[in-house]
Amino acid sequence: QVQLVESGGGLVQPGGSLSLSCAASGSILTIYTMEWYRQAPGKQRELVASISRGGNTNYADSVKGRFTISRDNAKNTVYLQMNSLKPEDTAVYYCHTDRVVTLSGSGVNYWGQGTQVTVSS
């Protein structure tokens, strides 16, 4: 079984910074693209950033220049560094991967449980 666990959420003032991490566990051989999504109350879940196995990244326009996604394949972990945070960034942040290859086979569409990020003064 593959599990994703997010950590690093919390309360931060506008203009502040926060770092999130998501660690995958299991007998993992390969994790393909990893992503961060977020969902604010009353809104659709939206893609914030993604990163391929090779390190190619893309970002939502709303976070470009402020957020940085990275990964450590040896640790099966994806990170999201969030700077210059705004109240509009308040949401539950989820990590996701589309495909994981393990010793017993492959699986798709894995989600973490989410971590709350609140930006408020």
N, C-alpha and C. Protein backbone atom coordinates (compact mmCIF):
# COMPACT_ATOMS: atom_id res chain seq x y z
N GLN A 1 0.84 -1.19 0.00
CA GLN A 1 0.00 0.00 0.00
C GLN A 1 0.88 1.24 0.00
N VAL A 2 0.48 2.22 -0.78
CA VAL A 2 1.18 3.49 -0.85
C VAL A 2 0.38 4.52 -0.07
N GLN A 3 1.07 5.26 0.78
CA GLN A 3 0.44 6.32 1.55
C GLN A 3 1.21 7.62 1.36
N LEU A 4 0.49 8.73 1.28
CA LEU A 4 1.08 10.05 1.21
C LEU A 4 0.68 10.81 2.47
N VAL A 5 1.65 11.42 3.13
CA VAL A 5 1.39 12.15 4.37
C VAL A 5 1.99 13.54 4.26
N GLU A 6 1.13 14.58 4.35
CA GLU A 6 1.57 15.96 4.30
C GLU A 6 1.91 16.45 5.70
N SER A 7 2.81 17.43 5.76
CA SER A 7 3.14 18.08 7.01
C SER A 7 3.61 19.50 6.72
N GLY A 8 3.60 20.35 7.75
CA GLY A 8 4.13 21.69 7.63
C GLY A 8 3.11 22.80 7.59
N GLY A 9 1.84 22.48 7.58
CA GLY A 9 0.82 23.51 7.56
C GLY A 9 0.75 24.25 8.88
N GLY A 10 0.02 25.36 8.87
CA GLY A 10 -0.13 26.15 10.07
C GLY A 10 -0.65 27.54 9.78
N LEU A 11 -0.52 28.41 10.77
CA LEU A 11 -0.97 29.80 10.67
C LEU A 11 0.23 30.70 10.43
N VAL A 12 0.09 31.60 9.45
CA VAL A 12 1.17 32.52 9.12
C VAL A 12 0.57 33.87 8.76
N GLN A 13 1.31 34.94 9.02
CA GLN A 13 0.85 36.28 8.69
C GLN A 13 1.02 36.56 7.20
N PRO A 14 0.21 37.45 6.64
CA PRO A 14 0.42 37.85 5.25
C PRO A 14 1.85 38.32 5.02
N GLY A 15 2.43 37.89 3.91
CA GLY A 15 3.81 38.20 3.61
C GLY A 15 4.80 37.20 4.17
N GLY A 16 4.34 36.30 4.99
CA GLY A 16 5.20 35.31 5.59
C GLY A 16 5.45 34.12 4.69
N SER A 17 6.17 33.14 5.23
CA SER A 17 6.55 31.95 4.48
C SER A 17 6.19 30.69 5.25
N LEU A 18 6.02 29.62 4.50
CA LEU A 18 5.70 28.33 5.07
C LEU A 18 6.21 27.25 4.12
N SER A 19 6.69 26.15 4.68
CA SER A 19 7.17 25.03 3.88
C SER A 19 6.34 23.79 4.16
N LEU A 20 5.87 23.16 3.11
CA LEU A 20 5.11 21.93 3.21
C LEU A 20 5.94 20.77 2.68
N SER A 21 5.69 19.60 3.21
CA SER A 21 6.32 18.40 2.70
C SER A 21 5.29 17.29 2.61
N CYS A 22 5.54 16.35 1.72
CA CYS A 22 4.67 15.20 1.55
C CYS A 22 5.56 14.00 1.29
N ALA A 23 5.51 13.04 2.18
CA ALA A 23 6.33 11.84 2.08
C ALA A 23 5.49 10.64 1.69
N ALA A 24 5.95 9.90 0.71
CA ALA A 24 5.29 8.69 0.28
C ALA A 24 5.96 7.48 0.93
N SER A 25 5.14 6.55 1.40
CA SER A 25 5.67 5.35 2.02
C SER A 25 5.19 4.12 1.26
N GLY A 26 5.94 3.04 1.40
CA GLY A 26 5.65 1.80 0.71
C GLY A 26 6.91 1.30 0.02
N SER A 27 6.80 0.13 -0.58
CA SER A 27 7.93 -0.44 -1.30
C SER A 27 8.00 0.18 -2.69
N ILE A 28 8.39 1.44 -2.73
CA ILE A 28 8.29 2.25 -3.94
C ILE A 28 9.53 2.12 -4.80
N LEU A 29 9.31 1.87 -6.07
CA LEU A 29 10.38 1.88 -7.05
C LEU A 29 10.42 3.18 -7.82
N THR A 30 9.25 3.67 -8.23
CA THR A 30 9.18 4.87 -9.06
C THR A 30 7.92 5.65 -8.74
N ILE A 31 8.07 6.94 -8.54
CA ILE A 31 6.94 7.85 -8.46
C ILE A 31 7.01 8.78 -9.66
N TYR A 32 5.93 8.87 -10.40
CA TYR A 32 5.90 9.76 -11.55
C TYR A 32 5.58 11.18 -11.08
N THR A 33 4.85 11.93 -11.87
CA THR A 33 4.61 13.33 -11.53
C THR A 33 3.95 13.48 -10.16
N MET A 34 4.47 14.41 -9.37
CA MET A 34 3.90 14.73 -8.07
C MET A 34 3.35 16.16 -8.12
N GLU A 35 2.28 16.39 -7.40
CA GLU A 35 1.55 17.64 -7.50
C GLU A 35 1.10 18.12 -6.12
N TRP A 36 0.90 19.42 -6.03
CA TRP A 36 0.22 20.02 -4.90
C TRP A 36 -1.08 20.65 -5.38
N TYR A 37 -2.17 20.32 -4.71
CA TYR A 37 -3.47 20.93 -4.93
C TYR A 37 -3.86 21.69 -3.67
N ARG A 38 -4.84 22.56 -3.80
CA ARG A 38 -5.41 23.20 -2.63
C ARG A 38 -6.91 23.38 -2.83
N GLN A 39 -7.61 23.45 -1.72
CA GLN A 39 -9.05 23.66 -1.76
C GLN A 39 -9.45 24.60 -0.63
N ALA A 40 -9.99 25.74 -1.00
CA ALA A 40 -10.51 26.70 -0.05
C ALA A 40 -12.00 26.47 0.15
N PRO A 41 -12.55 26.91 1.29
CA PRO A 41 -13.98 26.72 1.53
C PRO A 41 -14.83 27.30 0.41
N GLY A 42 -15.77 26.51 -0.09
CA GLY A 42 -16.67 26.96 -1.13
C GLY A 42 -16.08 27.00 -2.52
N LYS A 43 -14.86 26.53 -2.69
CA LYS A 43 -14.22 26.58 -3.99
C LYS A 43 -13.82 25.18 -4.45
N GLN A 44 -13.59 25.07 -5.75
CA GLN A 44 -13.11 23.83 -6.33
C GLN A 44 -11.66 23.57 -5.93
N ARG A 45 -11.30 22.30 -5.85
CA ARG A 45 -9.91 21.96 -5.65
C ARG A 45 -9.12 22.35 -6.91
N GLU A 46 -8.01 23.03 -6.72
CA GLU A 46 -7.23 23.52 -7.84
C GLU A 46 -5.79 23.06 -7.77
N LEU A 47 -5.20 22.88 -8.94
CA LEU A 47 -3.80 22.51 -9.04
C LEU A 47 -2.93 23.73 -8.77
N VAL A 48 -2.01 23.60 -7.83
CA VAL A 48 -1.12 24.68 -7.47
C VAL A 48 0.22 24.56 -8.20
N ALA A 49 0.80 23.36 -8.18
CA ALA A 49 2.11 23.14 -8.78
C ALA A 49 2.30 21.67 -9.04
N SER A 50 3.14 21.35 -10.01
CA SER A 50 3.47 19.97 -10.31
C SER A 50 4.95 19.87 -10.65
N ILE A 51 5.48 18.66 -10.48
CA ILE A 51 6.88 18.42 -10.79
C ILE A 51 7.02 17.00 -11.31
N SER A 52 7.71 16.84 -12.43
CA SER A 52 7.94 15.54 -13.02
C SER A 52 9.09 14.84 -12.32
N ARG A 53 9.29 13.55 -12.66
CA ARG A 53 10.42 12.82 -12.09
C ARG A 53 11.74 13.52 -12.37
N GLY A 54 11.86 14.10 -13.55
CA GLY A 54 13.08 14.76 -13.94
C GLY A 54 13.23 16.17 -13.44
N GLY A 55 12.23 16.69 -12.73
CA GLY A 55 12.33 18.00 -12.13
C GLY A 55 11.69 19.13 -12.92
N ASN A 56 11.00 18.83 -14.00
CA ASN A 56 10.28 19.87 -14.72
C ASN A 56 9.07 20.31 -13.92
N THR A 57 8.87 21.61 -13.82
CA THR A 57 7.82 22.15 -12.96
C THR A 57 6.85 23.02 -13.73
N ASN A 58 5.66 23.16 -13.17
CA ASN A 58 4.71 24.15 -13.64
C ASN A 58 3.89 24.63 -12.46
N TYR A 59 3.35 25.85 -12.59
CA TYR A 59 2.66 26.50 -11.49
C TYR A 59 1.39 27.18 -11.96
N ALA A 60 0.44 27.27 -11.07
CA ALA A 60 -0.72 28.12 -11.32
C ALA A 60 -0.27 29.57 -11.39
N ASP A 61 -0.92 30.35 -12.24
CA ASP A 61 -0.55 31.76 -12.38
C ASP A 61 -0.62 32.50 -11.05
N SER A 62 -1.53 32.12 -10.20
CA SER A 62 -1.73 32.82 -8.94
C SER A 62 -0.57 32.67 -7.96
N VAL A 63 0.30 31.68 -8.17
CA VAL A 63 1.40 31.44 -7.24
C VAL A 63 2.77 31.58 -7.88
N LYS A 64 2.83 31.83 -9.17
CA LYS A 64 4.12 31.97 -9.84
C LYS A 64 4.95 33.08 -9.21
N GLY A 65 6.21 32.79 -9.00
CA GLY A 65 7.10 33.74 -8.38
C GLY A 65 7.08 33.74 -6.88
N ARG A 66 6.11 33.06 -6.28
CA ARG A 66 5.98 33.01 -4.82
C ARG A 66 6.19 31.61 -4.26
N PHE A 67 5.75 30.59 -5.00
CA PHE A 67 5.85 29.21 -4.54
C PHE A 67 6.89 28.46 -5.36
N THR A 68 7.54 27.49 -4.73
CA THR A 68 8.50 26.63 -5.39
C THR A 68 8.25 25.19 -5.02
N ILE A 69 8.06 24.34 -6.02
CA ILE A 69 7.90 22.91 -5.79
C ILE A 69 9.22 22.21 -6.07
N SER A 70 9.54 21.22 -5.27
CA SER A 70 10.76 20.44 -5.45
C SER A 70 10.52 19.02 -4.98
N ARG A 71 11.44 18.13 -5.29
CA ARG A 71 11.28 16.74 -4.85
C ARG A 71 12.63 16.11 -4.60
N ASP A 72 12.62 15.10 -3.75
CA ASP A 72 13.79 14.30 -3.45
C ASP A 72 13.40 12.86 -3.72
N ASN A 73 13.81 12.33 -4.86
CA ASN A 73 13.40 10.99 -5.24
C ASN A 73 13.94 9.92 -4.29
N ALA A 74 15.11 10.15 -3.74
CA ALA A 74 15.69 9.19 -2.80
C ALA A 74 14.85 9.08 -1.53
N LYS A 75 14.18 10.17 -1.16
CA LYS A 75 13.33 10.18 0.03
C LYS A 75 11.85 10.03 -0.29
N ASN A 76 11.51 9.92 -1.57
CA ASN A 76 10.11 9.82 -2.00
C ASN A 76 9.27 10.94 -1.41
N THR A 77 9.80 12.14 -1.50
CA THR A 77 9.18 13.30 -0.86
C THR A 77 9.08 14.46 -1.84
N VAL A 78 7.97 15.18 -1.77
CA VAL A 78 7.78 16.41 -2.54
C VAL A 78 7.58 17.55 -1.55
N TYR A 79 8.08 18.73 -1.92
CA TYR A 79 8.03 19.89 -1.05
C TYR A 79 7.35 21.06 -1.76
N LEU A 80 6.82 21.95 -0.96
CA LEU A 80 6.28 23.20 -1.49
C LEU A 80 6.72 24.33 -0.57
N GLN A 81 7.60 25.18 -1.09
CA GLN A 81 8.04 26.37 -0.37
C GLN A 81 7.14 27.52 -0.77
N MET A 82 6.47 28.12 0.20
CA MET A 82 5.52 29.18 -0.05
C MET A 82 6.02 30.47 0.58
N ASN A 83 6.25 31.48 -0.24
CA ASN A 83 6.71 32.78 0.22
C ASN A 83 5.68 33.85 -0.14
N SER A 84 5.81 35.00 0.50
CA SER A 84 4.92 36.14 0.23
C SER A 84 3.46 35.72 0.27
N LEU A 85 3.10 35.01 1.31
CA LEU A 85 1.77 34.44 1.39
C LEU A 85 0.69 35.52 1.52
N LYS A 86 -0.44 35.24 0.91
CA LYS A 86 -1.59 36.13 0.91
C LYS A 86 -2.78 35.44 1.56
N PRO A 87 -3.73 36.21 2.08
CA PRO A 87 -4.93 35.58 2.63
C PRO A 87 -5.64 34.66 1.64
N GLU A 88 -5.55 34.97 0.36
CA GLU A 88 -6.17 34.15 -0.67
C GLU A 88 -5.53 32.77 -0.79
N ASP A 89 -4.36 32.58 -0.20
CA ASP A 89 -3.70 31.27 -0.21
C ASP A 89 -4.25 30.33 0.85
N THR A 90 -5.10 30.83 1.72
CA THR A 90 -5.68 30.00 2.77
C THR A 90 -6.48 28.86 2.16
N ALA A 91 -6.14 27.64 2.54
CA ALA A 91 -6.79 26.46 1.99
C ALA A 91 -6.22 25.23 2.66
N VAL A 92 -6.85 24.10 2.39
CA VAL A 92 -6.25 22.82 2.71
C VAL A 92 -5.41 22.40 1.51
N TYR A 93 -4.17 22.08 1.77
CA TYR A 93 -3.24 21.71 0.71
C TYR A 93 -3.06 20.19 0.70
N TYR A 94 -3.17 19.61 -0.49
CA TYR A 94 -3.07 18.17 -0.68
C TYR A 94 -1.94 17.83 -1.64
N CYS A 95 -1.21 16.78 -1.36
CA CYS A 95 -0.28 16.27 -2.35
C CYS A 95 -0.92 15.10 -3.10
N HIS A 96 -0.44 14.89 -4.31
CA HIS A 96 -1.04 13.90 -5.19
C HIS A 96 0.01 13.38 -6.15
N THR A 97 -0.11 12.11 -6.50
CA THR A 97 0.69 11.57 -7.57
C THR A 97 -0.19 10.72 -8.47
N ASP A 98 0.08 10.78 -9.76
CA ASP A 98 -0.77 10.06 -10.71
C ASP A 98 -0.43 8.59 -10.82
N ARG A 99 0.83 8.23 -10.59
CA ARG A 99 1.22 6.84 -10.73
C ARG A 99 2.43 6.53 -9.87
N VAL A 100 2.37 5.36 -9.23
CA VAL A 100 3.47 4.86 -8.42
C VAL A 100 3.73 3.41 -8.78
N VAL A 101 4.98 3.06 -9.00
CA VAL A 101 5.37 1.68 -9.25
C VAL A 101 6.03 1.15 -7.99
N THR A 102 5.53 0.03 -7.49
CA THR A 102 6.06 -0.60 -6.29
C THR A 102 6.57 -2.00 -6.62
N LEU A 103 7.10 -2.67 -5.62
CA LEU A 103 7.60 -4.02 -5.81
C LEU A 103 6.49 -4.98 -6.24
N SER A 104 5.25 -4.70 -5.86
CA SER A 104 4.13 -5.59 -6.16
C SER A 104 3.32 -5.17 -7.37
N GLY A 105 3.65 -4.05 -7.98
CA GLY A 105 2.91 -3.57 -9.13
C GLY A 105 2.80 -2.06 -9.14
N SER A 106 1.85 -1.56 -9.91
CA SER A 106 1.67 -0.12 -10.02
C SER A 106 0.26 0.28 -9.60
N GLY A 107 0.13 1.52 -9.16
CA GLY A 107 -1.15 2.07 -8.77
C GLY A 107 -1.25 3.50 -9.24
N VAL A 108 -2.47 4.03 -9.23
CA VAL A 108 -2.70 5.37 -9.75
C VAL A 108 -3.53 6.19 -8.77
N ASN A 109 -3.41 7.51 -8.91
CA ASN A 109 -4.31 8.45 -8.24
C ASN A 109 -4.25 8.34 -6.72
N TYR A 110 -3.10 8.65 -6.16
CA TYR A 110 -2.91 8.66 -4.71
C TYR A 110 -2.98 10.07 -4.17
N TRP A 111 -3.71 10.25 -3.07
CA TRP A 111 -3.88 11.54 -2.41
C TRP A 111 -3.44 11.47 -0.96
N GLY A 112 -2.87 12.56 -0.48
CA GLY A 112 -2.63 12.71 0.94
C GLY A 112 -3.89 13.17 1.64
N GLN A 113 -3.84 13.26 2.97
CA GLN A 113 -5.00 13.66 3.76
C GLN A 113 -5.18 15.17 3.82
N GLY A 114 -4.17 15.93 3.48
CA GLY A 114 -4.26 17.37 3.47
C GLY A 114 -3.69 18.01 4.72
N THR A 115 -3.21 19.24 4.57
CA THR A 115 -2.72 20.02 5.69
C THR A 115 -3.24 21.45 5.56
N GLN A 116 -3.72 22.01 6.65
CA GLN A 116 -4.34 23.33 6.64
C GLN A 116 -3.30 24.43 6.64
N VAL A 117 -3.45 25.37 5.71
CA VAL A 117 -2.64 26.58 5.67
C VAL A 117 -3.58 27.77 5.84
N THR A 118 -3.32 28.58 6.85
CA THR A 118 -4.14 29.76 7.11
C THR A 118 -3.25 30.99 7.11
N VAL A 119 -3.58 31.96 6.27
CA VAL A 119 -2.83 33.20 6.16
C VAL A 119 -3.71 34.31 6.69
N SER A 120 -3.36 34.85 7.83
CA SER A 120 -4.20 35.84 8.49
C SER A 120 -3.37 36.65 9.47
N SER A 121 -3.74 37.91 9.64
CA SER A 121 -3.11 38.76 10.63
C SER A 121 -3.89 38.78 11.93
